[in-house]
N, C-alpha and C. Protein backbone atom coordinates (compact mmCIF):
# COMPACT_ATOMS: atom_id res chain seq x y z
N MET A 1 -120.00 -76.52 14.73
CA MET A 1 -118.67 -76.38 14.03
C MET A 1 -117.59 -77.03 14.93
N LYS A 2 -116.71 -77.58 14.25
CA LYS A 2 -115.62 -78.25 14.94
C LYS A 2 -114.49 -77.28 15.51
N ASP A 3 -114.03 -77.53 16.63
CA ASP A 3 -112.91 -76.65 17.15
C ASP A 3 -111.74 -76.81 16.32
N ILE A 4 -111.09 -75.66 16.06
CA ILE A 4 -109.82 -75.64 15.23
C ILE A 4 -108.70 -75.35 16.15
N GLU A 5 -107.71 -76.39 16.11
CA GLU A 5 -106.66 -76.14 16.87
C GLU A 5 -105.71 -74.99 16.48
N ARG A 6 -105.32 -74.18 17.36
CA ARG A 6 -104.54 -73.04 17.12
C ARG A 6 -103.17 -73.52 16.56
N LYS A 7 -102.79 -72.90 15.47
CA LYS A 7 -101.42 -73.11 14.84
C LYS A 7 -100.40 -72.14 15.26
N VAL A 8 -100.77 -71.00 16.00
CA VAL A 8 -99.81 -70.01 16.35
C VAL A 8 -100.01 -69.57 17.80
N TYR A 9 -98.86 -69.12 18.34
CA TYR A 9 -98.89 -68.49 19.62
C TYR A 9 -98.95 -66.89 19.37
N ASN A 10 -99.49 -66.25 20.43
CA ASN A 10 -99.39 -64.82 20.31
C ASN A 10 -98.38 -64.38 21.36
N ALA A 11 -97.97 -63.08 21.43
CA ALA A 11 -96.97 -62.54 22.34
C ALA A 11 -97.16 -62.98 23.73
N SER A 12 -98.40 -62.85 24.22
CA SER A 12 -98.70 -63.18 25.70
C SER A 12 -98.34 -64.65 25.90
N ASP A 13 -98.71 -65.52 24.99
CA ASP A 13 -98.30 -66.83 25.24
C ASP A 13 -96.94 -67.06 25.41
N ILE A 14 -96.14 -66.55 24.54
CA ILE A 14 -94.63 -66.59 24.56
C ILE A 14 -94.08 -66.10 25.84
N GLN A 15 -94.74 -64.93 26.30
CA GLN A 15 -94.35 -64.25 27.47
C GLN A 15 -94.48 -65.22 28.64
N LYS A 16 -95.60 -65.92 28.71
CA LYS A 16 -95.85 -66.78 29.79
C LYS A 16 -94.93 -68.11 29.74
N ILE A 17 -94.76 -68.55 28.48
CA ILE A 17 -93.87 -69.80 28.51
C ILE A 17 -92.40 -69.46 28.85
N LEU A 18 -91.92 -68.34 28.41
CA LEU A 18 -90.63 -68.00 28.68
C LEU A 18 -90.39 -67.29 29.95
N GLY A 19 -91.49 -66.65 30.55
CA GLY A 19 -91.38 -65.96 31.75
C GLY A 19 -90.56 -64.76 31.66
N MET A 20 -90.80 -63.94 30.52
CA MET A 20 -90.09 -62.77 30.38
C MET A 20 -91.05 -61.60 30.63
N GLY A 21 -90.34 -60.47 30.89
CA GLY A 21 -91.13 -59.25 31.04
C GLY A 21 -91.57 -58.73 29.68
N ARG A 22 -92.58 -57.85 29.71
CA ARG A 22 -93.20 -57.38 28.38
C ARG A 22 -92.27 -56.64 27.53
N ASN A 23 -91.47 -55.66 28.02
CA ASN A 23 -90.62 -54.96 27.18
C ASN A 23 -89.48 -55.76 26.57
N ARG A 24 -88.89 -56.62 27.45
CA ARG A 24 -87.81 -57.64 26.98
C ARG A 24 -88.40 -58.48 25.92
N LEU A 25 -89.62 -59.02 26.06
CA LEU A 25 -90.23 -59.96 25.16
C LEU A 25 -90.40 -59.25 23.77
N TYR A 26 -90.91 -58.07 23.75
CA TYR A 26 -91.10 -57.46 22.45
C TYR A 26 -89.76 -57.04 21.82
N GLU A 27 -88.71 -56.81 22.56
CA GLU A 27 -87.40 -56.50 21.93
C GLU A 27 -86.87 -57.86 21.32
N PHE A 28 -87.16 -58.96 22.07
CA PHE A 28 -86.73 -60.34 21.61
C PHE A 28 -87.46 -60.71 20.38
N LEU A 29 -88.76 -60.46 20.45
CA LEU A 29 -89.56 -60.86 19.16
C LEU A 29 -89.31 -60.07 17.98
N GLU A 30 -88.97 -58.78 18.12
CA GLU A 30 -88.50 -57.98 16.97
C GLU A 30 -87.24 -58.48 16.37
N LYS A 31 -86.26 -58.83 17.30
CA LYS A 31 -84.94 -59.34 16.75
C LYS A 31 -85.19 -60.69 16.03
N VAL A 32 -86.00 -61.51 16.58
CA VAL A 32 -86.31 -62.80 15.97
C VAL A 32 -87.03 -62.66 14.66
N TYR A 33 -88.01 -61.70 14.62
CA TYR A 33 -88.71 -61.37 13.40
C TYR A 33 -87.73 -60.88 12.28
N LYS A 34 -86.79 -60.06 12.59
CA LYS A 34 -85.95 -59.72 11.59
C LYS A 34 -84.99 -60.76 11.15
N ASP A 35 -84.58 -61.60 11.93
CA ASP A 35 -83.64 -62.75 11.58
C ASP A 35 -84.34 -63.96 11.13
N GLN A 36 -85.54 -64.10 11.54
CA GLN A 36 -86.31 -65.37 11.32
C GLN A 36 -85.53 -66.56 11.94
N LYS A 37 -84.77 -66.27 12.99
CA LYS A 37 -84.03 -67.30 13.75
C LYS A 37 -84.10 -66.88 15.17
N PRO A 38 -84.11 -67.86 16.15
CA PRO A 38 -84.01 -69.31 16.07
C PRO A 38 -85.38 -69.95 15.65
N PHE A 39 -86.53 -69.14 15.55
CA PHE A 39 -87.80 -69.70 15.10
C PHE A 39 -88.55 -68.52 14.24
N ARG A 40 -89.60 -68.90 13.63
CA ARG A 40 -90.28 -67.94 12.83
C ARG A 40 -91.17 -67.12 13.59
N VAL A 41 -91.27 -65.80 13.12
CA VAL A 41 -92.19 -64.89 13.72
C VAL A 41 -92.94 -64.18 12.60
N LEU A 42 -94.22 -64.12 12.63
CA LEU A 42 -94.95 -63.32 11.63
C LEU A 42 -95.48 -62.03 12.34
N LYS A 43 -95.44 -60.99 11.61
CA LYS A 43 -95.83 -59.61 12.17
C LYS A 43 -96.94 -59.00 11.23
N PHE A 44 -97.98 -58.68 11.89
CA PHE A 44 -99.12 -58.02 11.18
C PHE A 44 -99.35 -56.57 11.91
N GLY A 45 -98.80 -55.62 11.34
CA GLY A 45 -98.78 -54.36 11.97
C GLY A 45 -97.94 -54.40 13.20
N LYS A 46 -98.51 -54.28 14.36
CA LYS A 46 -97.79 -54.49 15.61
C LYS A 46 -98.11 -55.76 16.26
N LEU A 47 -98.83 -56.60 15.66
CA LEU A 47 -99.26 -57.85 16.21
C LEU A 47 -98.27 -58.94 15.69
N TYR A 48 -97.74 -59.67 16.84
CA TYR A 48 -96.91 -60.74 16.50
C TYR A 48 -97.60 -62.17 16.61
N LYS A 49 -97.31 -63.05 15.74
CA LYS A 49 -97.89 -64.41 15.66
C LYS A 49 -96.67 -65.36 15.53
N ILE A 50 -96.55 -66.25 16.30
CA ILE A 50 -95.48 -67.30 16.19
C ILE A 50 -96.01 -68.58 15.97
N PRO A 51 -95.49 -69.27 14.86
CA PRO A 51 -96.04 -70.64 14.44
C PRO A 51 -95.65 -71.61 15.60
N LYS A 52 -96.50 -72.31 16.14
CA LYS A 52 -96.33 -73.21 17.26
C LYS A 52 -95.22 -74.24 16.94
N ASP A 53 -95.20 -74.84 15.74
CA ASP A 53 -94.33 -75.98 15.48
C ASP A 53 -92.89 -75.35 15.50
N SER A 54 -92.69 -74.16 14.91
CA SER A 54 -91.37 -73.68 14.88
C SER A 54 -90.91 -73.22 16.25
N PHE A 55 -91.68 -72.58 17.09
CA PHE A 55 -91.36 -72.26 18.42
C PHE A 55 -91.12 -73.45 19.32
N ASP A 56 -92.04 -74.41 19.32
CA ASP A 56 -91.87 -75.55 20.10
C ASP A 56 -90.59 -76.46 19.82
N ASN A 57 -90.32 -76.46 18.47
CA ASN A 57 -89.06 -77.20 18.04
C ASN A 57 -87.95 -76.55 18.70
N TRP A 58 -87.77 -75.24 18.61
CA TRP A 58 -86.70 -74.38 19.14
C TRP A 58 -86.59 -74.62 20.69
N LEU A 59 -87.77 -74.47 21.32
CA LEU A 59 -87.79 -74.63 22.75
C LEU A 59 -87.33 -76.03 23.20
N ASN A 60 -87.69 -77.10 22.39
CA ASN A 60 -87.32 -78.47 22.77
C ASN A 60 -86.01 -78.87 22.19
N GLY A 61 -85.23 -77.90 21.61
CA GLY A 61 -83.85 -78.19 21.10
C GLY A 61 -83.86 -79.00 19.77
N LEU A 62 -84.96 -78.90 19.12
CA LEU A 62 -85.09 -79.67 17.80
C LEU A 62 -84.67 -78.81 16.59
N ASN A 63 -84.08 -79.26 15.60
CA ASN A 63 -83.76 -78.52 14.37
C ASN A 63 -84.90 -78.69 13.44
N ILE A 64 -85.34 -77.70 12.78
CA ILE A 64 -86.46 -77.84 11.79
C ILE A 64 -85.94 -78.18 10.45
């Protein structure tokens, strides 16, 4: 079976990329989820998934 490239980050990926503490990160992700800005956030119960393209564009200063 071919490897499938991941299309989303999880909260721990974002935490490592941004160097944020866990509590602060979840507060941030909840706000972004409600606003869907500055990038998209999906929420499944308590599980956050962040589309890579949306997050990477924001991180690199690109408009989507």
